[in-house]
C-alpha cells in the first residue's frame, strides 16, 4: 500500500475516533432526547390504559439502587443493560398487543440505536471494574424476569402487555431522571 493510502486510512480512523468521543461527551443531552422520543413512542403505540386491566395491575419494584452509583461509567452500563432488557421484552410474542406496528418498530429501532451508542461509549476495561458487583446486574435480571414471567403467565394477553408497557415507561422515566443529574 502506498503512503497516500496509509494517510487516508489514518485520517478515517482519527475522524471516527473523534466523532465517537464527541458523541460520548454529549451523552446526557443525546440520551435525554432519545429517551424523550422513546417515551413519546410508547405513548403513541397504544391507546389509553384499558379500564379492564386495572384489576390486574402488578407492581414489579424496579431496583432503583442500580442507577445510583458514583461513577458515570457505571450508570451508563446500567442504562445499557436496562435498555437491552426492554428491547428483549418488546421483541417477542407481541401478537395480542393492540399497538400500532409502525410506532412499535420505531420504538424498537430507537432502543437498538441507544444500545449501540452506549456500547460505543462504555469503555470495556472500566466496565468490568465498575460493574464488578454482580449484585446490581442480578437485581436487574430478576426484575425483568418478573415482567417476562408475568407476560408468560398471562399468555401475553392485551392487559399483560399494557401493564408491561406502563412499567417500561416508568423505567425510561427513571433513566431520564438519572441522566438529568449526570
Protein backbone atom coordinates (compact mmCIF):
# COMPACT_ATOMS: atom_id res chain seq x y z
CA UNK A 1 0.00 0.00 0.00
CA UNK A 2 1.35 3.43 -0.82
CA UNK A 3 1.91 6.29 1.60
CA UNK A 4 -1.14 8.21 0.39
CA UNK A 5 -3.38 5.19 1.12
CA UNK A 6 -1.96 4.86 4.64
CA UNK A 7 -2.56 8.56 5.28
CA UNK A 8 -6.19 8.21 4.14
CA UNK A 9 -6.75 5.22 6.43
CA UNK A 10 -5.14 7.10 9.31
CA UNK A 11 -7.40 10.10 8.76
CA UNK A 12 -10.50 7.91 8.65
CA UNK A 13 -9.56 6.20 11.92
CA UNK A 14 -8.79 9.57 13.53
CA UNK A 15 -12.10 11.07 12.39
CA UNK A 16 -14.16 8.09 13.56
CA UNK A 17 -12.47 8.11 16.95
CA UNK A 18 -13.01 11.86 17.30
CA UNK A 19 -16.67 11.63 16.29
CA UNK A 20 -17.23 8.71 18.66
CA UNK A 21 -15.63 10.56 21.59
CA UNK A 22 -17.66 13.69 20.80
CA UNK A 23 -20.86 11.61 20.93
CA UNK A 24 -19.83 10.23 24.30
CA UNK A 25 -19.00 13.71 25.62
CA UNK A 26 -22.56 14.76 24.83
CA UNK A 27 -24.04 11.58 26.26
CA UNK A 28 -26.54 13.13 28.72
CA UNK A 29 -28.01 15.54 26.18
CA UNK A 30 -28.28 12.92 23.44
CA UNK A 31 -29.73 10.30 25.75
CA UNK A 32 -32.32 12.72 27.14
CA UNK A 33 -33.56 13.43 23.62
CA UNK A 34 -33.66 9.74 22.73
CA UNK A 35 -35.41 8.78 25.99
CA UNK A 36 -37.95 11.56 25.43
CA UNK A 37 -38.58 10.22 21.93
CA UNK A 38 -38.91 6.66 23.28
CA UNK A 39 -41.46 7.81 25.86
CA UNK A 40 -43.48 9.56 23.14
CA UNK A 41 -43.39 6.42 21.00
CA UNK A 42 -44.53 4.28 23.95
CA UNK A 43 -47.49 6.61 24.41
CA UNK A 44 -48.23 6.73 20.69
CA UNK A 45 -48.05 2.98 20.06
CA UNK A 46 -51.02 2.22 22.30
CA UNK A 47 -54.14 3.94 23.45
CA UNK A 48 -55.14 4.92 26.94
CA UNK A 49 -54.62 2.26 29.60
CA UNK A 50 -57.68 -0.05 29.36
CA UNK A 51 -60.00 0.12 32.35
CA UNK A 52 -60.49 -3.67 32.37
CA UNK A 53 -56.74 -4.07 33.07
CA UNK A 54 -56.80 -2.06 36.31
CA UNK A 55 -57.68 -5.10 38.44
CA UNK A 56 -54.70 -7.00 37.02
CA UNK A 57 -52.24 -4.26 37.95
CA UNK A 58 -48.89 -5.63 39.01
CA UNK A 59 -46.07 -4.00 40.98
CA UNK A 60 -42.65 -5.15 39.90
CA UNK A 61 -40.46 -2.85 42.06
CA UNK A 62 -37.66 -1.54 39.90
CA UNK A 63 -34.28 -1.81 41.72
CA UNK A 64 -33.55 1.93 41.71
CA UNK A 65 -30.23 1.49 43.53
CA UNK A 66 -28.67 0.20 40.28
CA UNK A 67 -28.98 3.74 38.90
CA UNK A 68 -27.35 5.40 41.93
CA UNK A 69 -23.66 4.53 41.64
CA UNK A 70 -20.98 7.21 41.93
CA UNK A 71 -19.22 6.68 38.59
CA UNK A 72 -20.79 7.84 35.31
CA UNK A 73 -19.46 4.77 33.53
CA UNK A 74 -21.35 2.51 35.92
CA UNK A 75 -24.56 4.43 35.26
CA UNK A 76 -24.01 4.07 31.51
CA UNK A 77 -23.50 0.33 31.87
CA UNK A 78 -26.67 0.00 33.98
CA UNK A 79 -28.67 2.04 31.46
CA UNK A 80 -27.34 -0.05 28.60
CA UNK A 81 -28.39 -3.23 30.38
CA UNK A 82 -31.86 -1.87 31.16
CA UNK A 83 -32.36 -0.90 27.52
CA UNK A 84 -31.26 -4.36 26.40
CA UNK A 85 -33.85 -5.94 28.69
CA UNK A 86 -36.57 -3.59 27.43
CA UNK A 87 -35.58 -4.37 23.85
CA UNK A 88 -35.79 -8.09 24.60
CA UNK A 89 -39.27 -7.79 26.12
CA UNK A 90 -40.57 -5.71 23.22
CA UNK A 91 -39.15 -8.08 20.62
CA UNK A 92 -41.23 -11.16 21.33
CA UNK A 93 -44.75 -12.50 21.19
CA UNK A 94 -46.50 -9.19 20.53
CA UNK A 95 -49.41 -10.69 18.62
CA UNK A 96 -52.04 -9.84 21.26
CA UNK A 97 -50.74 -6.33 21.89
CA UNK A 98 -53.11 -3.96 20.11
CA UNK A 99 -50.40 -1.47 19.22
CA UNK A 100 -49.56 0.48 16.13
CA UNK A 101 -46.92 -1.69 14.41
CA UNK A 102 -45.09 1.20 12.75
CA UNK A 103 -44.70 3.02 16.06
CA UNK A 104 -43.64 -0.21 17.76
CA UNK A 105 -40.92 -0.72 15.13
CA UNK A 106 -39.75 2.88 15.59
CA UNK A 107 -39.59 2.25 19.34
CA UNK A 108 -37.58 -0.96 18.83
CA UNK A 109 -35.22 0.77 16.39
CA UNK A 110 -34.71 3.65 18.81
CA UNK A 111 -33.86 1.24 21.63
CA UNK A 112 -31.42 -0.60 19.39
CA UNK A 113 -29.70 2.66 18.41
CA UNK A 114 -29.47 3.71 22.06
CA UNK A 115 -27.88 0.39 22.97
CA UNK A 116 -25.38 0.69 20.10
CA UNK A 117 -24.48 4.23 21.14
CA UNK A 118 -23.99 3.24 24.76
CA UNK A 119 -21.84 0.27 23.77
CA UNK A 120 -19.62 2.63 21.80
CA UNK A 121 -19.27 4.97 24.78
CA UNK A 122 -18.73 2.44 27.53
CA UNK A 123 -15.09 1.56 27.89
CA UNK A 124 -14.95 -2.21 28.30
CA UNK A 125 -11.95 -2.24 30.67
CA UNK A 126 -13.61 0.23 33.01
CA UNK A 127 -16.94 -1.52 32.62
CA UNK A 128 -15.62 -4.71 34.13
CA UNK A 129 -14.07 -2.80 37.03
CA UNK A 130 -17.05 -0.55 37.77
CA UNK A 131 -19.76 -3.11 37.14
CA UNK A 132 -17.92 -5.84 39.02
CA UNK A 133 -20.66 -6.00 41.62
CA UNK A 134 -22.85 -8.61 40.03
CA UNK A 135 -25.48 -7.88 42.67
CA UNK A 136 -26.82 -4.95 40.63
CA UNK A 137 -26.80 -6.93 37.43
CA UNK A 138 -28.67 -9.77 39.14
CA UNK A 139 -31.24 -7.35 40.58
CA UNK A 140 -31.96 -6.04 37.09
CA UNK A 141 -32.16 -9.53 35.68
CA UNK A 142 -34.59 -10.60 38.42
CA UNK A 143 -36.76 -7.51 37.87
CA UNK A 144 -37.05 -8.10 34.13
CA UNK A 145 -37.60 -11.85 34.64
CA UNK A 146 -40.63 -10.97 36.79
CA UNK A 147 -42.04 -8.96 33.91
CA UNK A 148 -41.25 -11.71 31.42
CA UNK A 149 -42.87 -14.36 33.66
CA UNK A 150 -45.90 -12.12 34.16
CA UNK A 151 -46.32 -11.87 30.39
CA UNK A 152 -45.96 -15.64 30.00
CA UNK A 153 -48.36 -16.38 32.88
CA UNK A 154 -50.95 -14.12 31.29
CA UNK A 155 -50.21 -15.71 27.89
CA UNK A 156 -49.10 -12.35 26.52
CA UNK A 157 -52.67 -11.04 26.60
CA UNK A 158 -53.64 -7.42 26.00
CA UNK A 159 -53.68 -6.45 29.68
CA UNK A 160 -50.30 -8.01 30.42
CA UNK A 161 -48.79 -6.03 27.54
CA UNK A 162 -50.44 -2.80 28.66
CA UNK A 163 -49.19 -3.30 32.22
CA UNK A 164 -45.70 -4.08 30.90
CA UNK A 165 -45.80 -1.01 28.64
CA UNK A 166 -46.68 1.15 31.65
CA UNK A 167 -43.79 -0.41 33.59
CA UNK A 168 -41.32 0.20 30.74
CA UNK A 169 -42.50 3.81 30.67
CA UNK A 170 -41.62 4.03 34.35
CA UNK A 171 -38.15 2.55 33.66
CA UNK A 172 -37.47 5.09 30.94
CA UNK A 173 -38.63 7.92 33.21
CA UNK A 174 -36.20 6.74 35.91
CA UNK A 175 -33.38 6.65 33.36
CA UNK A 176 -34.31 10.16 32.23
CA UNK A 177 -34.22 11.36 35.83
CA UNK A 178 -30.73 9.88 36.32
CA UNK A 179 -29.42 11.27 33.04
CA UNK A 180 -30.56 14.78 34.01
CA UNK A 181 -28.31 14.52 37.06
CA UNK A 182 -25.20 13.48 35.07
